[in-house]
Amino acid sequence: VDEAHKRDRRVMCHALGGEGLRMAIEVGVDSIEHGTYLDEDPQLLEMMADKGICFTPTFGVYTFHLTRGTPHGRARTLELREHHVKSLQMALEYGVTVTAGTDEGGWEHGNNAHELSCLVEAGMTPMQAIVAATSDAAACVGLGHEIGSVEPGKKADIILVDGNPIEDVTMLERGKAVRYVMKNGVTCIDERNS
């Protein structure tokens, strides 16, 4: 971790629980991916908040495994999800920055916005989930100075949707309601009049 930080690199750690999770937090990784069993040790959440370690729960993997997994896998998924939801709720209570992210292998690629719906289902507000996917995620990976929010000097990455995602965050999934996309200041999609 120290060597990565000396080279201005972020360290994200895939950890569910146990001693590996504790060690990763103690040495100061930048983000915990999954963190399923954080609920079992509130001290870990305190340390994460104090050290500014982000928590990327990756709830979308549950959707994947519940719809495509084996019967045994589905049962295990339900068991894990119960801990995971509690971990998210406790992280919010302790002031840990929660970011939206996905997982490799247990995820339907191309629908990253589904994670926002999962975060809301687990207890975040739609606005918290949107911030988790934008400014907080950008800051977590070290790019908050150039992306993640609409501010002078940052890249203009903007979408316009037909509706209010704060009322229904699912509208962001699969571009259901996306009518306009600007990437780095350049219009990529403009369906506002169609």
N, C-alpha and C. Protein backbone atom coordinates (compact mmCIF):
# COMPACT_ATOMS: atom_id res chain seq x y z
N VAL A 1 0.83 -1.18 0.00
CA VAL A 1 0.00 0.00 0.00
C VAL A 1 0.88 1.25 0.00
N ASP A 2 1.91 1.25 0.85
CA ASP A 2 2.80 2.41 0.91
C ASP A 2 3.48 2.66 -0.43
N GLU A 3 3.94 1.59 -1.07
CA GLU A 3 4.62 1.76 -2.37
C GLU A 3 3.66 2.30 -3.42
N ALA A 4 2.45 1.81 -3.44
CA ALA A 4 1.46 2.32 -4.39
C ALA A 4 1.19 3.79 -4.13
N HIS A 5 1.03 4.16 -2.87
CA HIS A 5 0.77 5.56 -2.53
C HIS A 5 1.95 6.46 -2.86
N LYS A 6 3.19 5.95 -2.70
CA LYS A 6 4.37 6.73 -3.09
C LYS A 6 4.33 7.07 -4.58
N ARG A 7 3.71 6.22 -5.36
CA ARG A 7 3.62 6.43 -6.81
C ARG A 7 2.26 7.03 -7.20
N ASP A 8 1.58 7.58 -6.22
CA ASP A 8 0.28 8.24 -6.43
C ASP A 8 -0.75 7.31 -7.06
N ARG A 9 -0.74 6.07 -6.61
CA ARG A 9 -1.70 5.07 -7.08
C ARG A 9 -2.64 4.71 -5.95
N ARG A 10 -3.89 4.45 -6.29
CA ARG A 10 -4.89 4.05 -5.31
C ARG A 10 -4.88 2.54 -5.15
N VAL A 11 -5.27 2.09 -3.97
CA VAL A 11 -5.32 0.66 -3.68
C VAL A 11 -6.74 0.30 -3.26
N MET A 12 -7.37 -0.55 -4.07
CA MET A 12 -8.70 -1.06 -3.77
C MET A 12 -8.54 -2.52 -3.37
N CYS A 13 -9.21 -2.92 -2.30
CA CYS A 13 -9.03 -4.27 -1.78
C CYS A 13 -10.34 -5.04 -1.81
N HIS A 14 -10.31 -6.20 -2.46
CA HIS A 14 -11.43 -7.13 -2.49
C HIS A 14 -11.41 -7.89 -1.16
N ALA A 15 -12.34 -7.56 -0.26
CA ALA A 15 -12.36 -8.21 1.05
C ALA A 15 -13.79 -8.32 1.54
N LEU A 16 -14.15 -9.50 1.98
CA LEU A 16 -15.50 -9.71 2.51
C LEU A 16 -15.55 -9.51 4.02
N GLY A 17 -14.59 -10.05 4.74
CA GLY A 17 -14.58 -9.96 6.19
C GLY A 17 -13.35 -10.62 6.76
N GLY A 18 -13.36 -10.86 8.06
CA GLY A 18 -12.27 -11.56 8.71
C GLY A 18 -11.01 -10.75 8.82
N GLU A 19 -9.92 -11.46 9.07
CA GLU A 19 -8.63 -10.82 9.31
C GLU A 19 -8.12 -10.06 8.09
N GLY A 20 -8.41 -10.56 6.88
CA GLY A 20 -7.98 -9.85 5.68
C GLY A 20 -8.60 -8.47 5.57
N LEU A 21 -9.86 -8.36 5.92
CA LEU A 21 -10.54 -7.07 5.90
C LEU A 21 -9.92 -6.13 6.92
N ARG A 22 -9.68 -6.62 8.12
CA ARG A 22 -9.05 -5.80 9.16
C ARG A 22 -7.66 -5.33 8.73
N MET A 23 -6.86 -6.24 8.21
CA MET A 23 -5.50 -5.87 7.80
C MET A 23 -5.52 -4.81 6.71
N ALA A 24 -6.41 -4.96 5.74
CA ALA A 24 -6.49 -3.99 4.65
C ALA A 24 -6.83 -2.60 5.18
N ILE A 25 -7.75 -2.54 6.13
CA ILE A 25 -8.14 -1.25 6.71
C ILE A 25 -7.01 -0.68 7.55
N GLU A 26 -6.36 -1.52 8.33
CA GLU A 26 -5.26 -1.04 9.18
C GLU A 26 -4.11 -0.46 8.38
N VAL A 27 -3.79 -1.06 7.23
CA VAL A 27 -2.67 -0.55 6.43
C VAL A 27 -3.07 0.63 5.55
N GLY A 28 -4.36 0.95 5.49
CA GLY A 28 -4.79 2.16 4.81
C GLY A 28 -5.04 2.06 3.33
N VAL A 29 -5.65 0.96 2.88
CA VAL A 29 -6.06 0.92 1.47
C VAL A 29 -7.03 2.07 1.23
N ASP A 30 -7.31 2.37 -0.01
CA ASP A 30 -8.19 3.50 -0.34
C ASP A 30 -9.65 3.11 -0.41
N SER A 31 -9.92 1.84 -0.69
CA SER A 31 -11.31 1.40 -0.81
C SER A 31 -11.41 -0.09 -0.50
N ILE A 32 -12.51 -0.42 0.15
CA ILE A 32 -12.85 -1.83 0.38
C ILE A 32 -13.97 -2.18 -0.58
N GLU A 33 -13.73 -3.17 -1.42
CA GLU A 33 -14.74 -3.66 -2.36
C GLU A 33 -15.42 -4.86 -1.70
N HIS A 34 -16.70 -4.84 -1.67
CA HIS A 34 -17.57 -5.84 -1.04
C HIS A 34 -17.78 -5.51 0.45
N GLY A 35 -16.87 -5.85 1.33
CA GLY A 35 -17.01 -5.52 2.75
C GLY A 35 -18.26 -6.11 3.39
N THR A 36 -18.62 -7.27 2.95
CA THR A 36 -19.88 -7.90 3.36
C THR A 36 -20.07 -7.97 4.87
N TYR A 37 -19.01 -8.33 5.59
CA TYR A 37 -19.13 -8.55 7.03
C TYR A 37 -18.64 -7.38 7.88
N LEU A 38 -18.62 -6.19 7.34
CA LEU A 38 -18.26 -5.02 8.15
C LEU A 38 -19.19 -4.86 9.35
N ASP A 39 -20.40 -5.33 9.23
CA ASP A 39 -21.38 -5.20 10.32
C ASP A 39 -20.96 -5.96 11.58
N GLU A 40 -20.05 -6.92 11.44
CA GLU A 40 -19.65 -7.72 12.59
C GLU A 40 -18.62 -7.03 13.47
N ASP A 41 -18.02 -5.94 12.98
CA ASP A 41 -17.00 -5.24 13.77
C ASP A 41 -17.09 -3.74 13.52
N PRO A 42 -17.89 -3.04 14.32
CA PRO A 42 -18.04 -1.59 14.12
C PRO A 42 -16.72 -0.82 14.19
N GLN A 43 -15.72 -1.36 14.89
CA GLN A 43 -14.43 -0.69 14.96
C GLN A 43 -13.83 -0.52 13.56
N LEU A 44 -14.08 -1.47 12.68
CA LEU A 44 -13.57 -1.36 11.31
C LEU A 44 -14.20 -0.18 10.60
N LEU A 45 -15.48 0.04 10.83
CA LEU A 45 -16.17 1.18 10.22
C LEU A 45 -15.64 2.49 10.78
N GLU A 46 -15.35 2.53 12.07
CA GLU A 46 -14.75 3.72 12.67
C GLU A 46 -13.40 4.02 12.02
N MET A 47 -12.57 2.98 11.86
CA MET A 47 -11.26 3.16 11.24
C MET A 47 -11.41 3.63 9.80
N MET A 48 -12.36 3.06 9.07
CA MET A 48 -12.57 3.48 7.67
C MET A 48 -12.95 4.95 7.61
N ALA A 49 -13.84 5.38 8.48
CA ALA A 49 -14.26 6.79 8.49
C ALA A 49 -13.07 7.68 8.85
N ASP A 50 -12.30 7.30 9.86
CA ASP A 50 -11.15 8.10 10.29
C ASP A 50 -10.08 8.20 9.22
N LYS A 51 -9.85 7.11 8.48
CA LYS A 51 -8.79 7.07 7.47
C LYS A 51 -9.27 7.51 6.09
N GLY A 52 -10.56 7.77 5.94
CA GLY A 52 -11.09 8.16 4.63
C GLY A 52 -11.12 7.02 3.63
N ILE A 53 -11.29 5.80 4.12
CA ILE A 53 -11.35 4.63 3.25
C ILE A 53 -12.78 4.48 2.73
N CYS A 54 -12.92 4.39 1.43
CA CYS A 54 -14.24 4.25 0.81
C CYS A 54 -14.75 2.82 0.92
N PHE A 55 -16.04 2.68 0.80
CA PHE A 55 -16.69 1.36 0.82
C PHE A 55 -17.50 1.22 -0.45
N THR A 56 -17.15 0.24 -1.28
CA THR A 56 -17.84 -0.04 -2.53
C THR A 56 -18.52 -1.41 -2.39
N PRO A 57 -19.79 -1.41 -1.99
CA PRO A 57 -20.43 -2.69 -1.65
C PRO A 57 -20.71 -3.65 -2.80
N THR A 58 -20.90 -3.17 -4.00
CA THR A 58 -21.16 -4.03 -5.17
C THR A 58 -22.40 -4.90 -4.99
N PHE A 59 -23.53 -4.30 -4.68
CA PHE A 59 -24.77 -5.05 -4.47
C PHE A 59 -25.31 -5.71 -5.73
N GLY A 60 -24.97 -5.22 -6.89
CA GLY A 60 -25.49 -5.78 -8.12
C GLY A 60 -25.15 -7.24 -8.32
N VAL A 61 -24.09 -7.71 -7.67
CA VAL A 61 -23.74 -9.12 -7.81
C VAL A 61 -24.84 -10.02 -7.27
N TYR A 62 -25.61 -9.52 -6.32
CA TYR A 62 -26.70 -10.34 -5.78
C TYR A 62 -27.78 -10.57 -6.82
N THR A 63 -28.10 -9.54 -7.58
CA THR A 63 -29.08 -9.69 -8.66
C THR A 63 -28.61 -10.76 -9.63
N PHE A 64 -27.34 -10.69 -9.99
CA PHE A 64 -26.77 -11.65 -10.93
C PHE A 64 -26.87 -13.07 -10.38
N HIS A 65 -26.41 -13.28 -9.15
CA HIS A 65 -26.37 -14.63 -8.60
C HIS A 65 -27.77 -15.17 -8.24
N LEU A 66 -28.68 -14.28 -7.88
CA LEU A 66 -30.04 -14.75 -7.58
C LEU A 66 -30.79 -15.17 -8.83
N THR A 67 -30.45 -14.59 -9.97
CA THR A 67 -31.16 -14.92 -11.21
C THR A 67 -30.43 -15.98 -12.03
N ARG A 68 -29.13 -16.15 -11.82
CA ARG A 68 -28.37 -17.07 -12.66
C ARG A 68 -27.61 -18.14 -11.90
N GLY A 69 -27.66 -18.08 -10.59
CA GLY A 69 -26.86 -19.00 -9.79
C GLY A 69 -27.52 -20.35 -9.58
N THR A 70 -26.75 -21.23 -8.97
CA THR A 70 -27.25 -22.56 -8.60
C THR A 70 -28.16 -22.42 -7.38
N PRO A 71 -28.96 -23.42 -7.08
CA PRO A 71 -29.80 -23.34 -5.87
C PRO A 71 -28.97 -23.07 -4.60
N HIS A 72 -27.84 -23.75 -4.47
CA HIS A 72 -26.96 -23.52 -3.31
C HIS A 72 -26.43 -22.09 -3.33
N GLY A 73 -26.03 -21.64 -4.51
CA GLY A 73 -25.52 -20.27 -4.65
C GLY A 73 -26.56 -19.22 -4.31
N ARG A 74 -27.79 -19.47 -4.70
CA ARG A 74 -28.87 -18.52 -4.39
C ARG A 74 -29.10 -18.44 -2.88
N ALA A 75 -29.08 -19.58 -2.21
CA ALA A 75 -29.27 -19.59 -0.75
C ALA A 75 -28.13 -18.82 -0.07
N ARG A 76 -26.91 -19.05 -0.52
CA ARG A 76 -25.74 -18.36 0.05
C ARG A 76 -25.83 -16.86 -0.22
N THR A 77 -26.30 -16.50 -1.39
CA THR A 77 -26.44 -15.10 -1.76
C THR A 77 -27.40 -14.38 -0.81
N LEU A 78 -28.51 -15.00 -0.50
CA LEU A 78 -29.48 -14.39 0.42
C LEU A 78 -28.89 -14.21 1.81
N GLU A 79 -28.11 -15.18 2.25
CA GLU A 79 -27.45 -15.10 3.55
C GLU A 79 -26.45 -13.94 3.58
N LEU A 80 -25.63 -13.85 2.55
CA LEU A 80 -24.63 -12.78 2.48
C LEU A 80 -25.28 -11.41 2.39
N ARG A 81 -26.34 -11.32 1.61
CA ARG A 81 -26.99 -10.03 1.39
C ARG A 81 -27.50 -9.42 2.69
N GLU A 82 -27.99 -10.25 3.59
CA GLU A 82 -28.49 -9.75 4.87
C GLU A 82 -27.38 -9.02 5.64
N HIS A 83 -26.19 -9.63 5.70
CA HIS A 83 -25.05 -8.97 6.34
C HIS A 83 -24.66 -7.71 5.58
N HIS A 84 -24.65 -7.81 4.29
CA HIS A 84 -24.18 -6.72 3.44
C HIS A 84 -25.05 -5.47 3.59
N VAL A 85 -26.36 -5.65 3.61
CA VAL A 85 -27.28 -4.52 3.78
C VAL A 85 -27.02 -3.85 5.12
N LYS A 86 -26.85 -4.66 6.16
CA LYS A 86 -26.56 -4.10 7.49
C LYS A 86 -25.22 -3.36 7.47
N SER A 87 -24.23 -3.90 6.76
CA SER A 87 -22.93 -3.24 6.66
C SER A 87 -23.06 -1.88 5.99
N LEU A 88 -23.85 -1.80 4.93
CA LEU A 88 -24.06 -0.51 4.26
C LEU A 88 -24.72 0.48 5.21
N GLN A 89 -25.77 0.06 5.87
CA GLN A 89 -26.49 0.97 6.76
C GLN A 89 -25.59 1.46 7.90
N MET A 90 -24.77 0.58 8.43
CA MET A 90 -23.83 0.97 9.48
C MET A 90 -22.76 1.90 8.94
N ALA A 91 -22.28 1.64 7.73
CA ALA A 91 -21.26 2.51 7.12
C ALA A 91 -21.80 3.93 6.99
N LEU A 92 -23.04 4.06 6.57
CA LEU A 92 -23.64 5.39 6.46
C LEU A 92 -23.73 6.06 7.83
N GLU A 93 -24.10 5.30 8.84
CA GLU A 93 -24.19 5.84 10.21
C GLU A 93 -22.84 6.31 10.72
N TYR A 94 -21.77 5.60 10.37
CA TYR A 94 -20.43 5.93 10.84
C TYR A 94 -19.75 7.00 9.98
N GLY A 95 -20.38 7.41 8.90
CA GLY A 95 -19.81 8.46 8.06
C GLY A 95 -18.78 7.96 7.05
N VAL A 96 -18.82 6.69 6.72
CA VAL A 96 -17.92 6.14 5.70
C VAL A 96 -18.45 6.55 4.32
N THR A 97 -17.56 6.97 3.44
CA THR A 97 -17.95 7.32 2.08
C THR A 97 -18.27 6.04 1.32
N VAL A 98 -19.50 5.94 0.83
CA VAL A 98 -19.94 4.78 0.06
C VAL A 98 -19.89 5.15 -1.41
N THR A 99 -19.30 4.29 -2.22
CA THR A 99 -19.22 4.53 -3.65
C THR A 99 -19.92 3.41 -4.41
N ALA A 100 -20.43 3.75 -5.58
CA ALA A 100 -21.08 2.76 -6.43
C ALA A 100 -20.04 2.12 -7.33
N GLY A 101 -20.04 0.81 -7.38
CA GLY A 101 -19.12 0.09 -8.24
C GLY A 101 -19.66 -1.29 -8.50
N THR A 102 -19.07 -1.97 -9.44
CA THR A 102 -19.54 -3.30 -9.82
C THR A 102 -18.47 -4.33 -9.51
N ASP A 103 -18.68 -5.53 -9.93
CA ASP A 103 -17.74 -6.61 -9.69
C ASP A 103 -17.49 -7.34 -10.99
N GLU A 104 -16.30 -7.82 -11.17
CA GLU A 104 -15.97 -8.59 -12.36
C GLU A 104 -16.42 -10.03 -12.16
N GLY A 105 -17.12 -10.56 -13.12
CA GLY A 105 -17.50 -11.97 -13.06
C GLY A 105 -18.92 -12.20 -12.58
N GLY A 106 -19.40 -11.39 -11.67
CA GLY A 106 -20.75 -11.58 -11.16
C GLY A 106 -21.62 -10.39 -11.49
N TRP A 107 -21.51 -9.95 -12.72
CA TRP A 107 -22.16 -8.70 -13.08
C TRP A 107 -22.56 -8.71 -14.54
N GLU A 108 -23.70 -8.15 -14.84
CA GLU A 108 -24.12 -7.99 -16.23
C GLU A 108 -23.55 -6.68 -16.75
N HIS A 109 -22.52 -6.79 -17.56
CA HIS A 109 -21.82 -5.59 -18.03
C HIS A 109 -22.72 -4.75 -18.93
N GLY A 110 -22.53 -3.44 -18.83
CA GLY A 110 -23.29 -2.51 -19.64
C GLY A 110 -24.47 -1.90 -18.92
N ASN A 111 -24.68 -2.30 -17.68
CA ASN A 111 -25.80 -1.73 -16.92
C ASN A 111 -25.33 -1.32 -15.53
N ASN A 112 -24.26 -0.54 -15.49
CA ASN A 112 -23.70 -0.11 -14.22
C ASN A 112 -24.69 0.66 -13.35
N ALA A 113 -25.63 1.34 -13.97
CA ALA A 113 -26.60 2.13 -13.20
C ALA A 113 -27.51 1.25 -12.34
N HIS A 114 -27.56 -0.04 -12.63
CA HIS A 114 -28.35 -0.94 -11.78
C HIS A 114 -27.84 -0.90 -10.34
N GLU A 115 -26.55 -0.67 -10.16
CA GLU A 115 -25.99 -0.60 -8.81
C GLU A 115 -26.65 0.51 -7.99
N LEU A 116 -27.03 1.61 -8.63
CA LEU A 116 -27.71 2.68 -7.91
C LEU A 116 -29.05 2.20 -7.37
N SER A 117 -29.78 1.47 -8.18
CA SER A 117 -31.06 0.91 -7.72
C SER A 117 -30.84 -0.04 -6.55
N CYS A 118 -29.77 -0.82 -6.62
CA CYS A 118 -29.46 -1.76 -5.54
C CYS A 118 -29.10 -1.01 -4.25
N LEU A 119 -28.35 0.08 -4.38
CA LEU A 119 -27.99 0.87 -3.20
C LEU A 119 -29.23 1.48 -2.55
N VAL A 120 -30.15 1.95 -3.37
CA VAL A 120 -31.39 2.52 -2.84
C VAL A 120 -32.20 1.42 -2.14
N GLU A 121 -32.29 0.27 -2.76
CA GLU A 121 -33.01 -0.85 -2.16
C GLU A 121 -32.41 -1.24 -0.81
N ALA A 122 -31.09 -1.05 -0.67
CA ALA A 122 -30.39 -1.41 0.57
C ALA A 122 -30.43 -0.30 1.63
N GLY A 123 -30.98 0.86 1.29
CA GLY A 123 -31.15 1.88 2.32
C GLY A 123 -30.67 3.28 2.01
N MET A 124 -29.99 3.48 0.89
CA MET A 124 -29.57 4.84 0.54
C MET A 124 -30.73 5.59 -0.11
N THR A 125 -30.67 6.90 -0.07
CA THR A 125 -31.64 7.69 -0.84
C THR A 125 -31.18 7.71 -2.29
N PRO A 126 -32.07 8.00 -3.23
CA PRO A 126 -31.62 8.12 -4.62
C PRO A 126 -30.49 9.14 -4.78
N MET A 127 -30.57 10.26 -4.09
CA MET A 127 -29.51 11.27 -4.21
C MET A 127 -28.19 10.75 -3.66
N GLN A 128 -28.23 10.04 -2.53
CA GLN A 128 -27.00 9.44 -2.00
C GLN A 128 -26.39 8.47 -3.01
N ALA A 129 -27.23 7.68 -3.65
CA ALA A 129 -26.73 6.71 -4.63
C ALA A 129 -26.13 7.41 -5.84
N ILE A 130 -26.74 8.49 -6.30
CA ILE A 130 -26.21 9.24 -7.44
C ILE A 130 -24.86 9.86 -7.08
N VAL A 131 -24.74 10.43 -5.89
CA VAL A 131 -23.46 10.99 -5.44
C VAL A 131 -22.42 9.87 -5.31
N ALA A 132 -22.84 8.70 -4.83
CA ALA A 132 -21.93 7.56 -4.71
C ALA A 132 -21.36 7.14 -6.06
N ALA A 133 -22.15 7.32 -7.11
CA ALA A 133 -21.73 6.91 -8.46
C ALA A 133 -20.98 8.00 -9.21
N THR A 134 -21.03 9.22 -8.72
CA THR A 134 -20.43 10.34 -9.45
C THR A 134 -19.27 10.94 -8.67
N SER A 135 -19.52 11.97 -7.90
CA SER A 135 -18.43 12.69 -7.24
C SER A 135 -17.67 11.83 -6.23
N ASP A 136 -18.37 11.02 -5.44
CA ASP A 136 -17.66 10.18 -4.47
C ASP A 136 -16.84 9.09 -5.14
N ALA A 137 -17.37 8.49 -6.19
CA ALA A 137 -16.61 7.46 -6.92
C ALA A 137 -15.38 8.07 -7.59
N ALA A 138 -15.55 9.25 -8.18
CA ALA A 138 -14.41 9.91 -8.83
C ALA A 138 -13.32 10.22 -7.81
N ALA A 139 -13.71 10.75 -6.65
CA ALA A 139 -12.73 11.06 -5.61
C ALA A 139 -12.04 9.78 -5.11
N CYS A 140 -12.80 8.71 -4.98
CA CYS A 140 -12.25 7.45 -4.48
C CYS A 140 -11.14 6.92 -5.38
N VAL A 141 -11.29 7.07 -6.68
CA VAL A 141 -10.26 6.56 -7.59
C VAL A 141 -9.22 7.63 -7.95
N GLY A 142 -9.26 8.77 -7.26
CA GLY A 142 -8.25 9.80 -7.45
C GLY A 142 -8.50 10.72 -8.63
N LEU A 143 -9.72 10.76 -9.14
CA LEU A 143 -10.03 11.60 -10.30
C LEU A 143 -11.04 12.70 -9.98
N GLY A 144 -11.28 12.95 -8.71
CA GLY A 144 -12.26 13.95 -8.32
C GLY A 144 -11.93 15.36 -8.79
N HIS A 145 -10.67 15.61 -9.08
CA HIS A 145 -10.27 16.94 -9.57
C HIS A 145 -10.64 17.15 -11.04
N GLU A 146 -10.98 16.08 -11.76
CA GLU A 146 -11.30 16.26 -13.18
C GLU A 146 -12.66 15.73 -13.62
N ILE A 147 -13.27 14.83 -12.86
CA ILE A 147 -14.59 14.29 -13.22
C ILE A 147 -15.44 14.12 -11.97
N GLY A 148 -16.71 13.77 -12.16
CA GLY A 148 -17.57 13.42 -11.04
C GLY A 148 -18.57 14.47 -10.62
N SER A 149 -18.37 15.69 -11.04
CA SER A 149 -19.31 16.77 -10.73
C SER A 149 -19.21 17.83 -11.82
N VAL A 150 -20.23 18.66 -11.88
CA VAL A 150 -20.26 19.73 -12.88
C VAL A 150 -19.70 20.98 -12.23
N GLU A 151 -18.45 21.29 -12.59
CA GLU A 151 -17.75 22.45 -12.04
C GLU A 151 -16.81 23.01 -13.09
N PRO A 152 -16.51 24.32 -13.01
CA PRO A 152 -15.54 24.90 -13.94
C PRO A 152 -14.21 24.17 -13.85
N GLY A 153 -13.62 23.88 -15.00
CA GLY A 153 -12.32 23.22 -15.06
C GLY A 153 -12.38 21.71 -15.12
N LYS A 154 -13.54 21.13 -14.86
CA LYS A 154 -13.66 19.67 -14.94
C LYS A 154 -14.19 19.28 -16.31
N LYS A 155 -13.95 18.03 -16.69
CA LYS A 155 -14.49 17.52 -17.94
C LYS A 155 -16.01 17.56 -17.88
N ALA A 156 -16.61 17.98 -18.97
CA ALA A 156 -18.07 18.07 -19.02
C ALA A 156 -18.64 16.72 -19.46
N ASP A 157 -18.88 15.85 -18.50
CA ASP A 157 -19.54 14.57 -18.72
C ASP A 157 -20.93 14.69 -18.11
N ILE A 158 -21.94 14.79 -18.96
CA ILE A 158 -23.29 15.11 -18.49
C ILE A 158 -24.31 14.24 -19.22
N ILE A 159 -25.34 13.82 -18.49
CA ILE A 159 -26.49 13.19 -19.14
C ILE A 159 -27.74 13.97 -18.76
N LEU A 160 -28.69 13.99 -19.67
CA LEU A 160 -30.02 14.52 -19.38
C LEU A 160 -30.99 13.37 -19.52
N VAL A 161 -31.91 13.29 -18.57
CA VAL A 161 -32.89 12.21 -18.60
C VAL A 161 -34.30 12.77 -18.65
N ASP A 162 -35.19 11.96 -19.16
CA ASP A 162 -36.60 12.32 -19.24
C ASP A 162 -37.27 11.90 -17.93
N GLY A 163 -37.23 12.76 -16.94
CA GLY A 163 -37.80 12.46 -15.64
C GLY A 163 -36.86 12.89 -14.53
N ASN A 164 -37.19 12.48 -13.32
CA ASN A 164 -36.42 12.88 -12.15
C ASN A 164 -35.85 11.64 -11.46
N PRO A 165 -34.54 11.38 -11.61
CA PRO A 165 -33.96 10.18 -11.00
C PRO A 165 -33.96 10.22 -9.47
N ILE A 166 -34.18 11.39 -8.89
CA ILE A 166 -34.28 11.46 -7.43
C ILE A 166 -35.62 10.87 -6.98
N GLU A 167 -36.59 10.88 -7.86
CA GLU A 167 -37.87 10.24 -7.56
C GLU A 167 -37.86 8.76 -7.96
N ASP A 168 -37.13 8.42 -9.03
CA ASP A 168 -37.07 7.04 -9.52
C ASP A 168 -35.70 6.79 -10.14
N VAL A 169 -34.78 6.32 -9.31
CA VAL A 169 -33.40 6.12 -9.76
C VAL A 169 -33.28 5.02 -10.82
N THR A 170 -34.27 4.13 -10.91
CA THR A 170 -34.21 3.05 -11.89
C THR A 170 -34.23 3.58 -13.32
N MET A 171 -34.68 4.81 -13.51
CA MET A 171 -34.73 5.36 -14.87
C MET A 171 -33.34 5.48 -15.50
N LEU A 172 -32.30 5.43 -14.68
CA LEU A 172 -30.94 5.52 -15.21
C LEU A 172 -30.45 4.18 -15.77
N GLU A 173 -31.11 3.10 -15.43
CA GLU A 173 -30.69 1.78 -15.89
C GLU A 173 -30.87 1.62 -17.39
N ARG A 174 -29.85 1.04 -18.01
CA ARG A 174 -29.88 0.72 -19.44
C ARG A 174 -30.28 1.92 -20.29
N GLY A 175 -30.09 3.11 -19.77
CA GLY A 175 -30.38 4.30 -20.55
C GLY A 175 -31.85 4.49 -20.85
N LYS A 176 -32.73 3.87 -20.05
CA LYS A 176 -34.17 3.92 -20.30
C LYS A 176 -34.66 5.33 -20.60
N ALA A 177 -34.20 6.29 -19.82
CA ALA A 177 -34.73 7.65 -19.94
C ALA A 177 -33.67 8.64 -20.42
N VAL A 178 -32.49 8.16 -20.79
CA VAL A 178 -31.41 9.06 -21.21
C VAL A 178 -31.73 9.65 -22.57
N ARG A 179 -31.73 10.95 -22.64
CA ARG A 179 -32.06 11.66 -23.88
C ARG A 179 -30.88 12.43 -24.46
N TYR A 180 -29.86 12.67 -23.63
CA TYR A 180 -28.73 13.48 -24.09
C TYR A 180 -27.49 13.04 -23.32
N VAL A 181 -26.38 12.88 -24.05
CA VAL A 181 -25.11 12.51 -23.43
C VAL A 181 -24.02 13.43 -23.96
N MET A 182 -23.29 14.05 -23.03
CA MET A 182 -22.12 14.85 -23.37
C MET A 182 -20.93 14.20 -22.68
N LYS A 183 -19.88 13.91 -23.44
CA LYS A 183 -18.66 13.29 -22.91
C LYS A 183 -17.50 14.22 -23.19
N ASN A 184 -16.87 14.70 -22.14
CA ASN A 184 -15.74 15.61 -22.25
C ASN A 184 -16.08 16.83 -23.11
N GLY A 185 -17.29 17.33 -22.93
CA GLY A 185 -17.72 18.54 -23.63
C GLY A 185 -18.24 18.33 -25.03
N VAL A 186 -18.28 17.08 -25.49
CA VAL A 186 -18.73 16.79 -26.85
C VAL A 186 -20.05 16.01 -26.79
N THR A 187 -21.04 16.47 -27.54
CA THR A 187 -22.33 15.78 -27.58
C THR A 187 -22.16 14.45 -28.30
N CYS A 188 -22.55 13.36 -27.63
CA CYS A 188 -22.47 12.02 -28.20
C CYS A 188 -23.85 11.52 -28.63
N ILE A 189 -24.86 11.84 -27.85
CA ILE A 189 -26.24 11.43 -28.13
C ILE A 189 -27.14 12.62 -27.87
N ASP A 190 -28.03 12.88 -28.81
CA ASP A 190 -29.00 13.95 -28.60
C ASP A 190 -30.35 13.48 -29.14
N GLU A 191 -31.17 12.99 -28.24
CA GLU A 191 -32.50 12.50 -28.60
C GLU A 191 -33.58 13.32 -27.89
N ARG A 192 -33.27 14.58 -27.60
CA ARG A 192 -34.21 15.41 -26.86
C ARG A 192 -35.49 15.69 -27.64
N ASN A 193 -35.41 15.70 -28.95
CA ASN A 193 -36.60 16.00 -29.76
C ASN A 193 -37.20 14.77 -30.42
N SER A 194 -36.77 13.58 -30.02
CA SER A 194 -37.31 12.38 -30.68
C SER A 194 -38.32 11.67 -29.82
